[in-house]
Protein backbone atom coordinates (compact mmCIF):
# COMPACT_ATOMS: atom_id res chain seq x y z
CA MET A 1 45.35 132.09 -71.38
CA SER A 2 46.32 129.11 -73.55
CA ASN A 3 49.39 127.03 -72.87
CA GLU A 4 50.81 128.02 -76.25
CA SER A 5 50.64 131.73 -75.40
CA GLN A 6 52.85 131.05 -72.36
CA ARG A 7 55.74 129.49 -74.27
CA VAL A 8 59.20 131.07 -74.54
CA LEU A 9 62.09 129.69 -76.62
CA LEU A 10 65.56 130.90 -75.76
CA VAL A 11 68.15 130.60 -78.57
CA LEU A 12 71.73 131.44 -77.60
CA ALA A 13 75.25 130.32 -78.39
CA HIS A 14 76.74 128.85 -75.20
CA PRO A 15 75.95 127.32 -71.83
CA ASP A 16 75.76 130.15 -69.25
CA ASP A 17 74.78 132.83 -71.83
CA SER A 18 71.16 132.56 -70.72
CA GLU A 19 71.91 133.11 -67.05
CA TYR A 20 74.36 135.96 -67.66
CA PHE A 21 72.26 137.76 -70.28
CA CYS A 22 68.75 137.44 -68.88
CA GLY A 23 68.55 134.82 -66.12
CA ALA A 24 66.52 136.92 -63.72
CA THR A 25 63.92 137.72 -66.38
CA LEU A 26 63.63 134.06 -67.32
CA ALA A 27 63.18 133.14 -63.65
CA LYS A 28 60.52 135.84 -63.31
CA TRP A 29 58.65 134.46 -66.31
CA ALA A 30 58.94 130.87 -65.08
CA ARG A 31 57.58 131.91 -61.71
CA ALA A 32 54.64 133.53 -63.53
CA GLY A 33 53.83 130.24 -65.29
CA LYS A 34 55.57 130.56 -68.64
CA GLU A 35 57.01 127.40 -70.18
CA ILE A 36 60.63 128.19 -71.00
CA ARG A 37 62.87 126.02 -73.14
CA TYR A 38 66.52 126.55 -74.03
CA LEU A 39 68.06 125.89 -77.45
CA LEU A 40 71.84 126.29 -77.25
CA LEU A 41 73.71 126.19 -80.52
CA THR A 42 77.04 124.96 -79.08
CA SER A 43 78.11 123.05 -75.99
CA GLY A 44 80.79 125.59 -75.06
CA GLU A 45 83.50 122.98 -75.52
CA LYS A 46 86.25 125.62 -75.81
CA GLY A 47 85.26 127.30 -72.58
CA ILE A 48 87.85 125.60 -70.35
CA ASP A 49 91.51 126.29 -71.15
CA ASP A 50 92.95 123.11 -69.66
CA PRO A 51 95.45 121.01 -71.67
CA THR A 52 94.41 117.88 -69.79
CA MET A 53 90.84 118.15 -71.04
CA THR A 54 89.32 117.26 -74.42
CA PRO A 55 86.57 119.26 -76.14
CA GLU A 56 84.25 116.28 -75.65
CA LYS A 57 84.81 116.24 -71.88
CA ILE A 58 84.45 120.00 -71.63
CA GLY A 59 81.23 119.93 -73.63
CA ALA A 60 79.78 117.23 -71.38
CA ILE A 61 80.69 119.22 -68.26
CA ARG A 62 79.14 122.39 -69.58
CA GLN A 63 75.97 120.67 -70.76
CA ALA A 64 75.50 119.20 -67.28
CA GLU A 65 76.12 122.59 -65.66
CA GLN A 66 73.59 124.22 -67.98
CA ARG A 67 70.90 121.68 -67.19
CA GLU A 68 71.40 122.28 -63.47
CA ALA A 69 71.27 126.05 -63.97
CA ALA A 70 68.10 125.78 -66.07
CA GLN A 71 66.43 123.86 -63.25
CA VAL A 72 67.20 126.72 -60.87
CA ILE A 73 65.70 129.19 -63.35
CA GLY A 74 62.61 127.01 -63.74
CA ALA A 75 63.04 126.14 -67.42
CA LYS A 76 61.33 123.00 -68.68
CA GLY A 77 63.99 121.72 -71.05
CA VAL A 78 67.43 122.27 -72.59
CA ALA A 79 68.55 121.16 -76.06
CA PHE A 80 71.99 121.46 -77.65
CA LEU A 81 72.63 121.60 -81.40
CA LYS A 82 76.37 121.01 -80.82
CA TYR A 83 77.80 123.27 -83.49
CA CYS A 84 81.49 124.01 -82.98
CA ASP A 85 82.14 126.47 -80.16
CA GLY A 86 83.97 129.56 -81.37
CA GLU A 87 83.17 128.83 -85.02
CA LEU A 88 79.42 129.41 -85.15
CA VAL A 89 78.25 130.91 -88.44
CA ASN A 90 74.84 132.07 -89.61
CA THR A 91 74.27 129.45 -92.31
CA SER A 92 71.19 127.99 -93.96
CA GLU A 93 71.77 124.78 -91.99
CA VAL A 94 71.82 126.58 -88.64
CA ARG A 95 68.68 128.54 -89.55
CA ARG A 96 66.89 125.33 -90.56
CA GLU A 97 67.63 123.74 -87.19
CA ILE A 98 66.33 126.81 -85.36
CA VAL A 99 63.23 126.91 -87.57
CA ARG A 100 62.60 123.23 -86.76
CA GLU A 101 62.56 123.99 -83.03
CA ILE A 102 60.39 127.08 -83.47
CA ARG A 103 57.84 125.07 -85.44
CA ARG A 104 58.06 122.16 -83.00
CA PHE A 105 57.55 124.24 -79.84
CA ARG A 106 55.49 127.09 -81.39
CA PRO A 107 56.42 129.85 -78.91
CA PRO A 108 55.07 133.38 -79.32
CA ILE A 109 58.22 134.77 -77.65
CA ILE A 110 61.79 134.12 -78.80
CA VAL A 111 64.75 135.34 -76.74
CA THR A 112 68.18 135.66 -78.36
CA SER A 113 71.19 137.99 -78.42
CA ASP A 114 71.41 141.25 -80.36
CA PRO A 115 73.53 140.55 -83.46
CA THR A 116 74.41 144.24 -83.83
CA THR A 117 76.29 144.33 -80.51
CA TYR A 118 80.01 144.35 -81.24
CA PHE A 119 80.93 145.88 -77.87
CA THR A 120 79.15 145.94 -74.52
CA GLY A 121 81.57 148.33 -72.86
CA ASN A 122 85.14 149.47 -73.16
CA THR A 123 86.78 146.09 -72.60
CA TYR A 124 86.44 143.00 -74.79
CA PRO A 125 84.52 142.74 -78.08
CA ASN A 126 81.32 140.72 -77.99
CA HIS A 127 81.92 137.05 -78.83
CA ALA A 128 81.34 136.34 -82.53
CA ASP A 129 79.22 133.30 -81.59
CA HIS A 130 76.79 135.58 -79.74
CA ARG A 131 76.34 137.72 -82.84
CA ALA A 132 76.01 134.71 -85.15
CA ALA A 133 73.38 133.15 -82.86
CA GLY A 134 71.33 136.34 -82.85
CA ALA A 135 71.55 136.83 -86.61
CA ALA A 136 70.60 133.23 -87.38
CA THR A 137 67.69 133.36 -84.94
CA LEU A 138 66.29 136.61 -86.33
CA GLU A 139 66.43 135.24 -89.87
CA ALA A 140 64.87 131.98 -88.72
CA VAL A 141 62.02 133.85 -87.07
CA TRP A 142 61.34 136.01 -90.12
CA PRO A 143 60.67 135.14 -92.78
CA SER A 144 61.59 131.47 -92.52
CA ALA A 145 59.56 129.98 -89.66
CA GLY A 146 56.22 131.29 -90.87
CA SER A 147 56.57 130.40 -94.55
CA ARG A 148 56.14 126.94 -96.02
CA MET A 149 58.41 128.02 -98.87
CA TYR A 150 61.40 127.90 -96.55
CA PHE A 151 62.89 124.50 -95.66
CA PRO A 152 60.12 122.40 -97.26
CA GLY A 153 61.73 119.26 -95.86
CA LEU A 154 60.44 120.31 -92.45
CA LEU A 155 56.88 120.00 -93.77
CA GLU A 156 57.58 116.35 -94.52
CA GLU A 157 58.72 115.96 -90.90
CA GLY A 158 55.39 117.37 -89.72
CA PHE A 159 56.58 120.85 -88.77
CA GLY A 160 54.24 123.33 -90.41
CA PRO A 161 54.73 127.10 -90.57
CA TYR A 162 54.56 129.10 -87.36
CA SER A 163 55.24 132.80 -86.79
CA PRO A 164 56.39 134.02 -83.35
CA GLN A 165 54.95 137.32 -82.18
CA GLN A 166 57.95 138.87 -80.44
CA VAL A 167 61.73 138.63 -80.33
CA TRP A 168 63.50 139.81 -77.17
CA LEU A 169 67.12 140.75 -77.87
CA ALA A 170 69.39 140.49 -74.85
CA LEU A 171 72.93 141.89 -74.61
CA THR A 172 71.82 144.97 -76.53
CA ASN A 173 73.08 148.53 -76.69
CA GLN A 174 69.68 149.76 -77.86
CA PRO A 175 67.15 148.61 -75.23
CA ASN A 176 63.52 149.66 -75.43
CA THR A 177 62.23 147.44 -72.60
CA SER A 178 63.33 147.18 -68.98
CA VAL A 179 62.23 144.33 -66.71
CA ASN A 180 62.23 144.77 -62.94
CA VAL A 181 63.91 141.61 -61.64
CA THR A 182 64.38 142.58 -58.00
CA ASP A 183 62.44 139.50 -56.88
CA THR A 184 64.49 137.04 -58.95
CA ILE A 185 68.03 138.46 -58.99
CA ASP A 186 69.01 135.88 -56.35
CA LEU A 187 67.78 133.06 -58.62
CA LYS A 188 69.97 134.44 -61.41
CA ILE A 189 72.99 134.33 -59.12
CA ALA A 190 72.14 130.84 -57.86
CA ALA A 191 71.85 129.62 -61.45
CA LEU A 192 75.16 131.21 -62.43
CA LEU A 193 76.86 129.42 -59.57
CA LYS A 194 75.92 126.09 -61.21
CA HIS A 195 78.39 126.96 -63.98
CA LYS A 196 81.32 125.95 -61.79
CA SER A 197 83.74 125.58 -64.68
CA GLN A 198 83.18 129.21 -65.67
CA ILE A 199 82.98 130.99 -62.32
CA ASN A 200 86.42 132.03 -61.10
CA GLU A 201 85.25 133.96 -58.05
CA SER A 202 83.61 133.19 -54.74
CA PRO A 203 79.83 133.18 -54.44
CA GLU A 204 80.11 136.39 -52.41
CA GLU A 205 82.20 138.10 -55.09
CA LEU A 206 79.81 136.99 -57.83
CA MET A 207 76.81 138.28 -55.88
CA LYS A 208 78.51 141.64 -55.33
CA ARG A 209 79.47 141.96 -59.01
CA ILE A 210 76.07 140.99 -60.42
CA ARG A 211 74.10 143.06 -57.93
CA GLY A 212 76.35 146.04 -58.50
CA ARG A 213 75.99 145.83 -62.27
CA ARG A 214 72.19 145.61 -62.14
CA ARG A 215 71.57 148.14 -59.36
CA LEU A 216 69.65 151.27 -60.28
CA PRO A 217 68.10 153.86 -57.96
CA ILE A 218 66.31 152.11 -55.10
CA ALA A 219 62.86 152.99 -56.42
CA GLN A 220 63.67 151.12 -59.67
CA GLY A 221 65.30 148.03 -58.16
CA TYR A 222 67.30 145.57 -60.26
CA ARG A 223 66.58 145.48 -63.98
CA GLU A 224 67.47 143.54 -67.12
CA LYS A 225 67.11 145.34 -70.44
CA PHE A 226 66.11 144.15 -73.90
CA ARG A 227 65.38 145.38 -77.38
CA VAL A 228 61.94 143.92 -78.12
CA ILE A 229 60.90 143.43 -81.74
CA ARG A 230 57.14 143.03 -82.15
CA LEU A 231 56.06 141.09 -85.22
CA ALA A 232 52.32 140.82 -84.53
């Protein structure tokens, strides 16, 4: 199997989204030899409600936490586009930046969030940034990334057309794929614990909550679910 066929690009809105949404699956893939890279569209600089902090300081803290968490998962790199947290919009500019990274890395698998998910339960609405990230990524994947007619300036930078084969949508209400992550659920939890600014519970409480949410009948183990879109 070629190195290119083992590549996975994760495109999400905030630091910690990757670990919450699909961290155990990413860890499972990394353990199997896939090269995983994160592209986060914001730095999560509104994620700490502390009047003594500035957005710049918060963003730096959350970037550092994300890099530590990605190391636990086994990812090979983390990049931040630094769009404004809480104000992410699916624009041509955002899509161009995502297309640039798709063409640069050339991964057959893209992981992002389902843009159709407005609610994930009966509590809070899904964050608008999550939906914007998913919508921009889907439109970057098709038709933009694979067509030289889109963003011709990228051709001048040396980034020729490339078409991913699959998109895995996390945080979805319409899953069609379930991944058994029993062997890597502890890595997910360990990675989440690196996001110290976001975790307001003890490690024991976090473990209980995450394990309880993912637990299915014993024969099925722990699972993370996705809506997989196959393009090739």
